[in-house]
C-alpha atoms as a PDB file:
ATOM      1  CA  MET A   1     131.546  91.930  99.170  1.00  0.00           C
ATOM      2  CA  ALA A   2     129.671  91.330 102.386  1.00  0.00           C
ATOM      3  CA  ILE A   3     125.936  91.699 102.894  1.00  0.00           C
ATOM      4  CA  ARG A   4     125.004  92.378 106.472  1.00  0.00           C
ATOM      5  CA  PRO A   5     122.254  93.966 108.554  1.00  0.00           C
ATOM      6  CA  GLU A   6     122.388  97.693 109.094  1.00  0.00           C
ATOM      7  CA  ARG A   7     123.996  98.577 112.403  1.00  0.00           C
ATOM      8  CA  ALA A   8     124.330 101.708 114.503  1.00  0.00           C
ATOM      9  CA  GLY A   9     126.628 104.180 112.804  1.00  0.00           C
ATOM     10  CA  ASP A  10     125.627 103.175 109.250  1.00  0.00           C
ATOM     11  CA  GLU A  11     122.881 105.789 108.961  1.00  0.00           C
ATOM     12  CA  ARG A  12     124.891 108.544 107.223  1.00  0.00           C
ATOM     13  CA  ALA A  13     126.538 106.164 104.754  1.00  0.00           C
ATOM     14  CA  ILE A  14     123.152 104.615 103.907  1.00  0.00           C
ATOM     15  CA  HIS A  15     121.630 108.070 103.399  1.00  0.00           C
ATOM     16  CA  ASP A  16     124.513 108.983 101.076  1.00  0.00           C
ATOM     17  CA  VAL A  17     124.240 105.752  99.053  1.00  0.00           C
ATOM     18  CA  VAL A  18     120.490 106.163  98.603  1.00  0.00           C
ATOM     19  CA  HIS A  19     120.930 109.806  97.605  1.00  0.00           C
ATOM     20  CA  ALA A  20     123.659 109.004  95.075  1.00  0.00           C
ATOM     21  CA  ALA A  21     121.701 106.086  93.588  1.00  0.00           C
ATOM     22  CA  PHE A  22     118.564 108.138  92.948  1.00  0.00           C
ATOM     23  CA  ASP A  23     120.083 111.555  92.223  1.00  0.00           C
ATOM     24  CA  GLY A  24     118.838 112.690  88.818  1.00  0.00           C
ATOM     25  CA  HIS A  25     116.993 109.423  88.141  1.00  0.00           C
ATOM     26  CA  PRO A  26     113.971 110.141  85.905  1.00  0.00           C
ATOM     27  CA  HIS A  27     111.574 108.142  88.116  1.00  0.00           C
ATOM     28  CA  SER A  28     112.712 109.744  91.373  1.00  0.00           C
ATOM     29  CA  ASP A  29     111.439 112.799  93.178  1.00  0.00           C
ATOM     30  CA  GLY A  30     114.520 112.801  95.420  1.00  0.00           C
ATOM     31  CA  SER A  31     112.615 111.636  98.510  1.00  0.00           C
ATOM     32  CA  GLU A  32     114.213 108.192  98.819  1.00  0.00           C
ATOM     33  CA  PRO A  33     116.917 109.070 101.405  1.00  0.00           C
ATOM     34  CA  ALA A  34     114.303 110.752 103.601  1.00  0.00           C
ATOM     35  CA  ILE A  35     111.998 107.735 103.240  1.00  0.00           C
ATOM     36  CA  VAL A  36     114.699 105.425 104.630  1.00  0.00           C
ATOM     37  CA  ASP A  37     115.427 107.899 107.437  1.00  0.00           C
ATOM     38  CA  ARG A  38     111.714 108.116 108.354  1.00  0.00           C
ATOM     39  CA  LEU A  39     111.241 104.345 108.201  1.00  0.00           C
ATOM     40  CA  ARG A  40     114.157 103.968 110.608  1.00  0.00           C
ATOM     41  CA  ALA A  41     112.851 106.675 112.941  1.00  0.00           C
ATOM     42  CA  ASP A  42     109.392 105.067 112.970  1.00  0.00           C
ATOM     43  CA  GLY A  43     110.783 101.591 113.701  1.00  0.00           C
ATOM     44  CA  ASP A  44     109.521 100.316 110.340  1.00  0.00           C
ATOM     45  CA  LEU A  45     112.782  99.058 108.842  1.00  0.00           C
ATOM     46  CA  THR A  46     111.867  95.403 109.257  1.00  0.00           C
ATOM     47  CA  VAL A  47     114.851  94.362 107.138  1.00  0.00           C
ATOM     48  CA  SER A  48     117.640  96.832 106.404  1.00  0.00           C
ATOM     49  CA  LEU A  49     120.702  95.377 104.712  1.00  0.00           C
ATOM     50  CA  VAL A  50     123.888  96.928 103.413  1.00  0.00           C
ATOM     51  CA  ALA A  51     126.436  95.736 100.887  1.00  0.00           C
ATOM     52  CA  GLU A  52     129.908  96.510 102.152  1.00  0.00           C
ATOM     53  CA  ASN A  53     133.100  96.342 100.138  1.00  0.00           C
ATOM     54  CA  GLY A  54     136.450  97.108 101.745  1.00  0.00           C
ATOM     55  CA  GLY A  55     134.734  98.734 104.713  1.00  0.00           C
ATOM     56  CA  GLU A  56     132.668 101.025 102.467  1.00  0.00           C
ATOM     57  CA  ILE A  57     128.885 100.754 102.177  1.00  0.00           C
ATOM     58  CA  VAL A  58     128.057 100.574  98.464  1.00  0.00           C
ATOM     59  CA  GLY A  59     124.442  99.385  98.563  1.00  0.00           C
ATOM     60  CA  HIS A  60     121.326  99.256 100.697  1.00  0.00           C
ATOM     61  CA  VAL A  61     117.890  97.631 100.639  1.00  0.00           C
ATOM     62  CA  ALA A  62     114.892  98.266 102.874  1.00  0.00           C
ATOM     63  CA  PHE A  63     111.835  96.122 103.589  1.00  0.00           C
ATOM     64  CA  SER A  64     109.006  97.613 105.641  1.00  0.00           C
ATOM     65  CA  PRO A  65     105.492  96.517 106.635  1.00  0.00           C
ATOM     66  CA  VAL A  66     102.533  97.251 104.381  1.00  0.00           C
ATOM     67  CA  THR A  67      98.816  97.158 105.142  1.00  0.00           C
ATOM     68  CA  ILE A  68      96.317  95.431 102.861  1.00  0.00           C
ATOM     69  CA  SER A  69      92.686  96.501 103.039  1.00  0.00           C
ATOM     70  CA  ASP A  70      91.435  92.891 103.358  1.00  0.00           C
ATOM     71  CA  GLY A  71      93.280  92.626 106.691  1.00  0.00           C
ATOM     72  CA  SER A  72      95.987  90.240 105.497  1.00  0.00           C
ATOM     73  CA  GLU A  73      98.955  90.256 107.847  1.00  0.00           C
ATOM     74  CA  ASP A  74     102.713  89.825 107.547  1.00  0.00           C
ATOM     75  CA  TRP A  75     103.086  91.569 104.189  1.00  0.00           C
ATOM     76  CA  PHE A  76     106.068  93.766 103.421  1.00  0.00           C
ATOM     77  CA  GLY A  77     107.148  96.295 100.852  1.00  0.00           C
ATOM     78  CA  LEU A  78     110.526  96.167  99.132  1.00  0.00           C
ATOM     79  CA  GLY A  79     112.272  99.457  98.627  1.00  0.00           C
ATOM     80  CA  PRO A  80     114.085 101.549  98.232  1.00  0.00           C
ATOM     81  CA  VAL A  81     116.975  99.491  96.910  1.00  0.00           C
ATOM     82  CA  ALA A  82     120.061 101.548  96.140  1.00  0.00           C
ATOM     83  CA  VAL A  83     123.576 100.965  94.841  1.00  0.00           C
ATOM     84  CA  MET A  84     126.291 103.542  94.288  1.00  0.00           C
ATOM     85  CA  PRO A  85     126.143 104.586  90.622  1.00  0.00           C
ATOM     86  CA  GLU A  86     129.691 103.440  89.848  1.00  0.00           C
ATOM     87  CA  ARG A  87     128.861  99.979  91.280  1.00  0.00           C
ATOM     88  CA  GLN A  88     125.518  99.450  89.539  1.00  0.00           C
ATOM     89  CA  ARG A  89     125.103  96.541  87.117  1.00  0.00           C
ATOM     90  CA  GLU A  90     127.434  94.340  89.196  1.00  0.00           C
ATOM     91  CA  GLY A  91     124.674  92.290  90.864  1.00  0.00           C
ATOM     92  CA  ILE A  92     124.855  94.122  94.192  1.00  0.00           C
ATOM     93  CA  GLY A  93     121.194  95.171  94.165  1.00  0.00           C
ATOM     94  CA  ALA A  94     120.096  91.663  93.205  1.00  0.00           C
ATOM     95  CA  ALA A  95     122.171  90.150  96.012  1.00  0.00           C
ATOM     96  CA  LEU A  96     120.642  92.561  98.533  1.00  0.00           C
ATOM     97  CA  ILE A  97     117.114  91.758  97.338  1.00  0.00           C
ATOM     98  CA  GLU A  98     117.712  87.990  97.416  1.00  0.00           C
ATOM     99  CA  ARG A  99     119.116  88.131 100.948  1.00  0.00           C
ATOM    100  CA  GLY A 100     116.223  90.298 102.120  1.00  0.00           C
ATOM    101  CA  LEU A 101     113.655  87.941 100.620  1.00  0.00           C
ATOM    102  CA  THR A 102     115.406  85.023 102.334  1.00  0.00           C
ATOM    103  CA  LEU A 103     115.074  86.829 105.669  1.00  0.00           C
ATOM    104  CA  LEU A 104     111.368  87.454 105.006  1.00  0.00           C
ATOM    105  CA  ARG A 105     110.912  83.725 104.288  1.00  0.00           C
ATOM    106  CA  GLU A 106     112.704  82.886 107.542  1.00  0.00           C
ATOM    107  CA  ARG A 107     110.299  85.084 109.475  1.00  0.00           C
ATOM    108  CA  ASP A 108     107.297  83.409 107.786  1.00  0.00           C
ATOM    109  CA  ALA A 109     106.159  86.507 105.933  1.00  0.00           C
ATOM    110  CA  ALA A 110     103.010  86.127 103.858  1.00  0.00           C
ATOM    111  CA  GLY A 111     104.287  88.142 100.933  1.00  0.00           C
ATOM    112  CA  CYS A 112     106.063  91.179  99.590  1.00  0.00           C
ATOM    113  CA  VAL A 113     105.095  93.957  97.192  1.00  0.00           C
ATOM    114  CA  VAL A 114     107.241  96.216  95.066  1.00  0.00           C
ATOM    115  CA  LEU A 115     106.708  99.186  92.799  1.00  0.00           C
ATOM    116  CA  GLY A 116     109.174  98.966  89.936  1.00  0.00           C
ATOM    117  CA  ASP A 117     110.220  97.615  86.575  1.00  0.00           C
ATOM    118  CA  PRO A 118     108.427  94.310  85.889  1.00  0.00           C
ATOM    119  CA  ALA A 119     111.353  93.017  83.809  1.00  0.00           C
ATOM    120  CA  TYR A 120     113.775  93.545  86.705  1.00  0.00           C
ATOM    121  CA  TYR A 121     111.635  92.369  89.621  1.00  0.00           C
ATOM    122  CA  GLY A 122     110.135  89.464  87.662  1.00  0.00           C
ATOM    123  CA  ARG A 123     113.433  87.609  87.997  1.00  0.00           C
ATOM    124  CA  PHE A 124     112.861  87.428  91.762  1.00  0.00           C
ATOM    125  CA  GLY A 125     109.363  86.002  91.300  1.00  0.00           C
ATOM    126  CA  PHE A 126     107.383  89.241  91.522  1.00  0.00           C
ATOM    127  CA  ALA A 127     104.359  89.514  89.239  1.00  0.00           C
ATOM    128  CA  HIS A 128     101.422  91.860  88.804  1.00  0.00           C
ATOM    129  CA  ASP A 129      98.234  90.685  90.503  1.00  0.00           C
ATOM    130  CA  GLN A 130      95.015  92.512  89.668  1.00  0.00           C
ATOM    131  CA  ALA A 131      93.676  91.651  93.123  1.00  0.00           C
ATOM    132  CA  LEU A 132      96.256  93.931  94.794  1.00  0.00           C
ATOM    133  CA  THR A 133      96.069  97.606  93.990  1.00  0.00           C
ATOM    134  CA  TYR A 134      98.158 100.675  94.570  1.00  0.00           C
ATOM    135  CA  PRO A 135      96.889 104.013  93.251  1.00  0.00           C
ATOM    136  CA  GLY A 136      98.876 106.169  90.886  1.00  0.00           C
ATOM    137  CA  PRO A 137     101.431 104.341  88.749  1.00  0.00           C
ATOM    138  CA  PRO A 138     100.544 102.061  85.842  1.00  0.00           C
ATOM    139  CA  PRO A 139      99.176  98.866  87.454  1.00  0.00           C
ATOM    140  CA  GLU A 140     101.731  96.521  85.861  1.00  0.00           C
ATOM    141  CA  TYR A 141     104.512  98.250  87.831  1.00  0.00           C
ATOM    142  CA  PHE A 142     102.934  97.236  91.137  1.00  0.00           C
ATOM    143  CA  GLN A 143     103.822  93.596  91.778  1.00  0.00           C
ATOM    144  CA  ARG A 144     103.666  90.984  94.494  1.00  0.00           C
ATOM    145  CA  LEU A 145     105.572  87.918  95.570  1.00  0.00           C
ATOM    146  CA  LEU A 146     103.697  85.259  97.512  1.00  0.00           C
ATOM    147  CA  ILE A 147     105.852  83.815 100.278  1.00  0.00           C
ATOM    148  CA  GLY A 148     103.587  82.126 102.821  1.00  0.00           C
ATOM    149  CA  ALA A 149     100.199  83.329 101.605  1.00  0.00           C
ATOM    150  CA  SER A 150      98.128  81.679  98.938  1.00  0.00           C
ATOM    151  CA  ARG A 151      96.471  84.949  97.888  1.00  0.00           C
ATOM    152  CA  THR A 152      95.229  88.241  99.162  1.00  0.00           C
ATOM    153  CA  SER A 153      93.327  91.139  97.708  1.00  0.00           C
ATOM    154  CA  GLY A 154      92.740  94.795  98.316  1.00  0.00           C
ATOM    155  CA  ALA A 155      94.407  98.160  98.351  1.00  0.00           C
ATOM    156  CA  VAL A 156      97.985  98.308  99.663  1.00  0.00           C
ATOM    157  CA  THR A 157      99.223 101.091 101.908  1.00  0.00           C
ATOM    158  CA  TYR A 158     102.926 101.529 102.563  1.00  0.00           C
ATOM    159  CA  ALA A 159     104.382 102.440 105.977  1.00  0.00           C
ATOM    160  CA  ARG A 160     103.956 106.032 107.108  1.00  0.00           C
ATOM    161  CA  GLY A 161     107.593 106.845 106.286  1.00  0.00           C
ATOM    162  CA  PHE A 162     106.732 106.820 102.595  1.00  0.00           C
ATOM    163  CA  GLY A 163     104.689 109.982 103.201  1.00  0.00           C
END
């Protein structure tokens, strides 16, 4: 299994992987493939990695810029992360996330936020922080990982591609 940056020509395969990963998922409204497409079109795919096995793309992760109302800079949002259903629970998603976080560290990012299962994302160092808010979901599902920042506070807004 190779993890590599997205390159020209991967767009359709990425769209298909994201669609398959979220199709019928109870916490999905089906918009995830379009989100990745819009992030790409807007130039907001700061980190876009694929997992490739035997020449086939079986996973994808996206990191895009977020805005924090206190003016903090160099913060990113993780997601969507997608793995083909038949390849889930093999560590592919975790490997994609770890590699993406490494790339954010290399670019001196301040931090990263994610909306998702605290038990899953906690293993990467994400934790809920009452000082960062995102309206809608239960607060404990919105988490942050400090990379270069000591702290920040305020409301988080995702890139325009999230709609």
